[in-house]
């Protein structure tokens, strides 16, 4: 696994993402067109269900049926990925049921392992 290290814009917070994906294999996605949180926070996200995310998870989902929480991280934190990743895929989850959202996050987001 490659450990990608990213930092927030002021450099005070570090994020780590361990993944077998090469930078150009990440598919950034954003639902900023329908999500105020994403619009406000430059929400272009990446995840890898086969990876591990530690130290910082920008959007975290903890589900009682799962042992491990899952997360997506802002692609903007990781220069190596941001500069090589595929174009941003625009998504919309309007009308998605709570259960469908839970299943999507558990299946596609990155497991969080706190160190």
Protein backbone atom coordinates (compact mmCIF):
# COMPACT_ATOMS: atom_id res chain seq x y z
CA UNK A 1 0.00 0.00 0.00
CA UNK A 2 1.04 3.57 -0.68
CA UNK A 3 0.54 6.06 2.13
CA UNK A 4 -0.67 9.38 0.76
CA UNK A 5 -0.14 12.27 3.15
CA UNK A 6 -2.18 15.43 2.80
CA UNK A 7 -2.46 18.63 4.76
CA UNK A 8 -5.15 21.22 5.27
CA UNK A 9 -4.60 24.63 3.70
CA UNK A 10 -2.86 26.08 6.78
CA UNK A 11 -0.75 22.93 7.26
CA UNK A 12 -1.85 22.35 10.86
CA UNK A 13 -3.80 19.14 10.20
CA UNK A 14 -2.38 16.11 8.44
CA UNK A 15 -4.43 13.38 6.76
CA UNK A 16 -3.20 9.91 5.81
CA UNK A 17 -4.75 7.58 3.27
CA UNK A 18 -3.21 4.14 2.69
CA UNK A 19 -4.33 2.69 -0.64
CA UNK A 20 -3.23 0.34 -3.41
CA UNK A 21 -4.68 2.77 -5.96
CA UNK A 22 -2.32 4.90 -8.03
CA UNK A 23 -3.19 8.63 -8.09
CA UNK A 24 -4.73 8.39 -11.56
CA UNK A 25 -7.04 5.56 -10.43
CA UNK A 26 -8.97 7.69 -7.92
CA UNK A 27 -12.39 8.92 -9.04
CA UNK A 28 -13.13 12.22 -7.29
CA UNK A 29 -16.83 12.93 -6.91
CA UNK A 30 -18.95 15.78 -5.71
CA UNK A 31 -22.62 16.33 -5.03
CA UNK A 32 -22.12 20.06 -4.45
CA UNK A 33 -24.96 20.80 -6.86
CA UNK A 34 -27.43 19.38 -4.34
CA UNK A 35 -25.50 19.57 -1.04
CA UNK A 36 -24.88 22.81 0.86
CA UNK A 37 -22.16 21.20 3.01
CA UNK A 38 -20.21 20.17 -0.09
CA UNK A 39 -20.61 23.61 -1.69
CA UNK A 40 -19.39 25.35 1.46
CA UNK A 41 -16.41 23.04 2.05
CA UNK A 42 -15.09 22.47 -1.48
CA UNK A 43 -16.53 18.98 -1.23
CA UNK A 44 -14.79 16.92 -3.88
CA UNK A 45 -14.31 13.52 -2.25
CA UNK A 46 -12.31 10.34 -2.79
CA UNK A 47 -12.52 6.94 -1.14
CA UNK A 48 -11.24 3.40 -1.57
CA UNK A 49 -13.14 0.57 0.15
CA UNK A 50 -9.98 -1.56 0.09
CA UNK A 51 -7.85 1.11 1.79
CA UNK A 52 -7.41 2.50 5.28
CA UNK A 53 -7.88 6.08 6.38
CA UNK A 54 -6.28 7.36 9.57
CA UNK A 55 -5.81 10.58 11.51
CA UNK A 56 -8.40 12.70 9.67
CA UNK A 57 -11.65 11.75 8.04
CA UNK A 58 -13.42 14.75 6.59
CA UNK A 59 -16.82 13.08 6.37
CA UNK A 60 -17.28 10.15 8.71
CA UNK A 61 -20.06 7.56 8.85
CA UNK A 62 -20.36 5.20 11.80
CA UNK A 63 -22.95 2.46 11.49
CA UNK A 64 -23.99 0.24 14.37
CA UNK A 65 -24.00 -2.81 12.08
CA UNK A 66 -20.31 -2.32 11.18
CA UNK A 67 -17.22 -2.73 13.37
CA UNK A 68 -15.33 0.05 11.64
CA UNK A 69 -16.44 3.55 10.71
CA UNK A 70 -15.98 4.62 7.09
CA UNK A 71 -15.04 7.96 5.60
CA UNK A 72 -14.42 10.02 2.51
CA UNK A 73 -11.58 12.52 2.39
CA UNK A 74 -11.29 15.77 0.47
CA UNK A 75 -9.16 15.22 -2.61
CA UNK A 76 -7.83 18.77 -2.20
CA UNK A 77 -5.74 17.61 0.76
CA UNK A 78 -3.67 15.23 -1.37
CA UNK A 79 -1.62 17.03 -4.06
CA UNK A 80 -0.30 13.76 -5.54
CA UNK A 81 -3.84 12.48 -6.08
CA UNK A 82 -5.49 15.81 -6.97
CA UNK A 83 -3.06 16.50 -9.81
CA UNK A 84 -3.42 13.03 -11.39
CA UNK A 85 -6.96 11.84 -10.56
CA UNK A 86 -9.70 11.46 -13.13
CA UNK A 87 -12.09 14.37 -13.75
CA UNK A 88 -14.66 15.00 -11.00
CA UNK A 89 -17.79 12.90 -11.31
CA UNK A 90 -20.86 14.95 -10.38
CA UNK A 91 -23.26 12.94 -8.24
CA UNK A 92 -26.60 13.64 -6.60
CA UNK A 93 -28.18 11.72 -3.77
CA UNK A 94 -31.42 13.68 -3.71
CA UNK A 95 -34.29 11.32 -3.07
CA UNK A 96 -31.98 8.62 -1.73
CA UNK A 97 -33.51 6.77 1.20
CA UNK A 98 -31.69 6.63 4.53
CA UNK A 99 -31.12 2.90 4.07
CA UNK A 100 -29.77 3.32 0.52
CA UNK A 101 -27.37 6.01 1.80
CA UNK A 102 -26.19 3.72 4.58
CA UNK A 103 -25.55 0.86 2.18
CA UNK A 104 -23.71 3.14 -0.28
CA UNK A 105 -21.39 4.52 2.40
CA UNK A 106 -20.59 1.11 3.89
CA UNK A 107 -19.85 -0.34 0.42
CA UNK A 108 -17.85 2.53 -1.12
CA UNK A 109 -16.25 4.62 1.61
CA UNK A 110 -12.82 4.01 3.15
CA UNK A 111 -12.52 2.12 6.47
CA UNK A 112 -11.14 4.29 9.26
CA UNK A 113 -8.37 2.96 11.49
CA UNK A 114 -7.50 5.39 14.27
CA UNK A 115 -3.90 5.19 15.38
